[in-house]
């Protein structure tokens, strides 16, 4: 999201990602000032759903800290 906003200077963004990633992507994009919409494919049965949900819970906490507290930017390549 940061690159879309800062590097590519986009203002309007359409994100395609899995349903469990979508709320985080939309949150980050909106906090960066993007006019953002999202689309996810239909949900399918996932035997690892509990693990994915747990991982996403921590990823959302990290996203909040990165966006609201640290105002983090992506690491630059060497």
N, C-alpha and C. Protein backbone atom coordinates (compact mmCIF):
# COMPACT_ATOMS: atom_id res chain seq x y z
N UNK A 1 0.82 -1.18 0.00
CA UNK A 1 0.00 0.00 0.00
C UNK A 1 0.87 1.25 0.00
N UNK A 2 1.93 1.24 0.79
CA UNK A 2 2.82 2.40 0.86
C UNK A 2 3.42 2.69 -0.50
N UNK A 3 3.88 1.66 -1.18
CA UNK A 3 4.48 1.84 -2.51
C UNK A 3 3.45 2.37 -3.51
N UNK A 4 2.23 1.86 -3.44
CA UNK A 4 1.18 2.35 -4.33
C UNK A 4 1.00 3.85 -4.14
N UNK A 5 1.05 4.29 -2.91
CA UNK A 5 0.83 5.70 -2.60
C UNK A 5 2.07 6.56 -2.84
N UNK A 6 3.19 6.16 -2.28
CA UNK A 6 4.39 6.99 -2.30
C UNK A 6 5.24 6.83 -3.57
N UNK A 7 5.40 5.62 -4.05
CA UNK A 7 6.28 5.39 -5.20
C UNK A 7 5.53 5.58 -6.52
N UNK A 8 4.35 4.98 -6.62
CA UNK A 8 3.61 5.04 -7.87
C UNK A 8 2.60 6.18 -7.91
N UNK A 9 2.47 6.92 -6.82
CA UNK A 9 1.60 8.09 -6.72
C UNK A 9 0.15 7.79 -7.12
N UNK A 10 -0.32 6.62 -6.75
CA UNK A 10 -1.71 6.26 -7.04
C UNK A 10 -2.63 6.88 -6.00
N UNK A 11 -3.81 7.22 -6.44
CA UNK A 11 -4.83 7.75 -5.53
C UNK A 11 -6.00 6.79 -5.39
N UNK A 12 -6.28 6.06 -6.46
CA UNK A 12 -7.41 5.12 -6.49
C UNK A 12 -6.84 3.73 -6.73
N UNK A 13 -7.18 2.79 -5.84
CA UNK A 13 -6.57 1.47 -5.89
C UNK A 13 -7.65 0.39 -5.76
N UNK A 14 -7.50 -0.66 -6.54
CA UNK A 14 -8.34 -1.85 -6.40
C UNK A 14 -7.43 -3.00 -6.02
N UNK A 15 -7.70 -3.62 -4.89
CA UNK A 15 -6.86 -4.69 -4.34
C UNK A 15 -7.57 -6.03 -4.53
N UNK A 16 -6.83 -7.00 -5.04
CA UNK A 16 -7.32 -8.37 -5.15
C UNK A 16 -6.49 -9.23 -4.20
N UNK A 17 -7.12 -9.84 -3.20
CA UNK A 17 -6.39 -10.68 -2.25
C UNK A 17 -7.37 -11.64 -1.57
N UNK A 18 -6.83 -12.54 -0.77
CA UNK A 18 -7.68 -13.48 -0.04
C UNK A 18 -8.53 -12.72 0.96
N UNK A 19 -9.68 -13.29 1.29
CA UNK A 19 -10.64 -12.62 2.18
C UNK A 19 -10.04 -12.29 3.53
N UNK A 20 -9.17 -13.15 4.05
CA UNK A 20 -8.61 -12.88 5.37
C UNK A 20 -7.58 -11.76 5.35
N UNK A 21 -6.98 -11.46 4.20
CA UNK A 21 -6.03 -10.34 4.08
C UNK A 21 -6.73 -9.02 3.79
N UNK A 22 -7.89 -9.09 3.21
CA UNK A 22 -8.55 -7.90 2.69
C UNK A 22 -8.80 -6.80 3.73
N UNK A 23 -9.35 -7.10 4.91
CA UNK A 23 -9.57 -6.00 5.87
C UNK A 23 -8.28 -5.26 6.23
N UNK A 24 -7.18 -5.99 6.37
CA UNK A 24 -5.90 -5.36 6.71
C UNK A 24 -5.42 -4.48 5.56
N UNK A 25 -5.52 -4.97 4.34
CA UNK A 25 -5.10 -4.19 3.18
C UNK A 25 -5.93 -2.91 3.05
N UNK A 26 -7.23 -3.02 3.24
CA UNK A 26 -8.10 -1.85 3.15
C UNK A 26 -7.79 -0.85 4.26
N UNK A 27 -7.57 -1.34 5.45
CA UNK A 27 -7.24 -0.47 6.59
C UNK A 27 -5.97 0.32 6.31
N UNK A 28 -4.92 -0.37 5.90
CA UNK A 28 -3.65 0.30 5.64
C UNK A 28 -3.80 1.32 4.52
N UNK A 29 -4.44 0.92 3.44
CA UNK A 29 -4.64 1.83 2.32
C UNK A 29 -5.41 3.08 2.69
N UNK A 30 -6.48 2.91 3.44
CA UNK A 30 -7.28 4.07 3.86
C UNK A 30 -6.50 4.99 4.78
N UNK A 31 -5.72 4.41 5.68
CA UNK A 31 -4.92 5.23 6.59
C UNK A 31 -3.84 6.01 5.85
N UNK A 32 -3.42 5.51 4.69
CA UNK A 32 -2.44 6.22 3.87
C UNK A 32 -3.09 7.25 2.96
N UNK A 33 -4.42 7.30 2.98
CA UNK A 33 -5.12 8.29 2.18
C UNK A 33 -5.54 7.82 0.81
N UNK A 34 -5.46 6.52 0.56
CA UNK A 34 -5.87 5.99 -0.74
C UNK A 34 -7.39 5.83 -0.80
N UNK A 35 -7.94 6.06 -1.97
CA UNK A 35 -9.32 5.68 -2.26
C UNK A 35 -9.22 4.22 -2.69
N UNK A 36 -9.54 3.31 -1.80
CA UNK A 36 -9.23 1.90 -2.02
C UNK A 36 -10.49 1.04 -1.94
N UNK A 37 -10.56 0.09 -2.84
CA UNK A 37 -11.63 -0.92 -2.85
C UNK A 37 -10.95 -2.27 -2.88
N UNK A 38 -11.67 -3.31 -2.47
CA UNK A 38 -11.07 -4.63 -2.45
C UNK A 38 -12.00 -5.70 -2.95
N UNK A 39 -11.41 -6.74 -3.51
CA UNK A 39 -12.13 -7.90 -4.02
C UNK A 39 -11.41 -9.15 -3.55
N UNK A 40 -12.19 -10.13 -3.09
CA UNK A 40 -11.62 -11.41 -2.68
C UNK A 40 -12.33 -12.53 -3.44
N UNK A 41 -11.61 -13.60 -3.74
CA UNK A 41 -12.26 -14.73 -4.41
C UNK A 41 -13.20 -15.43 -3.44
N UNK A 42 -14.10 -16.26 -3.96
CA UNK A 42 -14.99 -17.01 -3.07
C UNK A 42 -14.18 -17.86 -2.08
N UNK A 43 -14.68 -17.94 -0.86
CA UNK A 43 -13.99 -18.74 0.15
C UNK A 43 -14.06 -20.21 -0.20
N UNK A 44 -12.97 -20.91 0.11
CA UNK A 44 -12.92 -22.35 -0.09
C UNK A 44 -12.57 -23.00 1.25
N UNK A 45 -12.91 -24.24 1.41
CA UNK A 45 -12.56 -24.95 2.63
C UNK A 45 -11.05 -24.98 2.78
N UNK A 46 -10.57 -24.66 3.97
CA UNK A 46 -9.14 -24.62 4.22
C UNK A 46 -8.84 -25.41 5.49
N UNK A 47 -8.09 -26.50 5.36
CA UNK A 47 -7.78 -27.29 6.55
C UNK A 47 -6.88 -26.54 7.54
N UNK A 48 -6.25 -25.47 7.10
CA UNK A 48 -5.38 -24.67 7.97
C UNK A 48 -6.04 -23.37 8.42
N UNK A 49 -7.36 -23.32 8.38
CA UNK A 49 -8.08 -22.07 8.65
C UNK A 49 -7.75 -21.51 10.04
N UNK A 50 -7.66 -22.34 11.04
CA UNK A 50 -7.38 -21.85 12.40
C UNK A 50 -6.00 -21.22 12.46
N UNK A 51 -5.02 -21.83 11.83
CA UNK A 51 -3.67 -21.28 11.83
C UNK A 51 -3.62 -19.96 11.05
N UNK A 52 -4.31 -19.92 9.92
CA UNK A 52 -4.35 -18.70 9.11
C UNK A 52 -5.02 -17.57 9.89
N UNK A 53 -6.12 -17.87 10.59
CA UNK A 53 -6.82 -16.87 11.39
C UNK A 53 -5.91 -16.34 12.49
N UNK A 54 -5.19 -17.21 13.16
CA UNK A 54 -4.28 -16.80 14.23
C UNK A 54 -3.17 -15.91 13.69
N UNK A 55 -2.59 -16.32 12.56
CA UNK A 55 -1.53 -15.52 11.94
C UNK A 55 -2.05 -14.14 11.55
N UNK A 56 -3.24 -14.09 10.98
CA UNK A 56 -3.81 -12.82 10.54
C UNK A 56 -4.13 -11.92 11.74
N UNK A 57 -4.52 -12.50 12.86
CA UNK A 57 -4.79 -11.71 14.05
C UNK A 57 -3.51 -10.95 14.46
N UNK A 58 -2.38 -11.64 14.47
CA UNK A 58 -1.12 -10.98 14.82
C UNK A 58 -0.68 -9.99 13.73
N UNK A 59 -0.96 -10.32 12.47
CA UNK A 59 -0.61 -9.42 11.37
C UNK A 59 -1.40 -8.12 11.47
N UNK A 60 -2.65 -8.20 11.91
CA UNK A 60 -3.46 -6.99 12.06
C UNK A 60 -2.95 -6.12 13.21
N UNK A 61 -2.52 -6.76 14.28
CA UNK A 61 -1.93 -6.01 15.40
C UNK A 61 -0.66 -5.31 14.94
N UNK A 62 0.18 -6.03 14.21
CA UNK A 62 1.42 -5.44 13.69
C UNK A 62 1.11 -4.29 12.74
N UNK A 63 0.11 -4.45 11.88
CA UNK A 63 -0.26 -3.39 10.95
C UNK A 63 -0.70 -2.14 11.71
N UNK A 64 -1.48 -2.32 12.76
CA UNK A 64 -1.92 -1.18 13.57
C UNK A 64 -0.72 -0.46 14.16
N UNK A 65 0.20 -1.21 14.75
CA UNK A 65 1.39 -0.61 15.34
C UNK A 65 2.22 0.10 14.28
N UNK A 66 2.42 -0.54 13.14
CA UNK A 66 3.20 0.06 12.05
C UNK A 66 2.58 1.36 11.55
N UNK A 67 1.26 1.37 11.37
CA UNK A 67 0.58 2.52 10.79
C UNK A 67 0.33 3.62 11.82
N UNK A 68 -0.19 3.27 12.97
CA UNK A 68 -0.65 4.27 13.93
C UNK A 68 0.44 4.76 14.89
N UNK A 69 1.37 3.90 15.25
CA UNK A 69 2.36 4.26 16.26
C UNK A 69 3.72 4.57 15.66
N UNK A 70 4.22 3.67 14.84
CA UNK A 70 5.58 3.83 14.30
C UNK A 70 5.65 4.59 12.99
N UNK A 71 4.52 4.70 12.29
CA UNK A 71 4.51 5.31 10.95
C UNK A 71 5.63 4.72 10.09
N UNK A 72 5.72 3.40 10.09
CA UNK A 72 6.80 2.70 9.40
C UNK A 72 6.70 2.84 7.89
N UNK A 73 7.86 2.86 7.27
CA UNK A 73 7.96 2.81 5.82
C UNK A 73 8.67 1.50 5.46
N UNK A 74 8.45 1.01 4.25
CA UNK A 74 9.13 -0.23 3.85
C UNK A 74 10.65 -0.05 3.89
N UNK A 75 11.35 -1.14 4.12
CA UNK A 75 12.80 -1.10 4.10
C UNK A 75 13.26 -0.92 2.66
N UNK A 76 14.25 -0.13 2.48
CA UNK A 76 14.80 0.12 1.15
C UNK A 76 15.82 -0.95 0.81
N UNK A 77 15.84 -1.37 -0.45
CA UNK A 77 16.82 -2.35 -0.92
C UNK A 77 18.22 -1.74 -0.93
N UNK A 78 19.21 -2.59 -0.81
CA UNK A 78 20.61 -2.12 -0.81
C UNK A 78 21.07 -1.84 -2.22
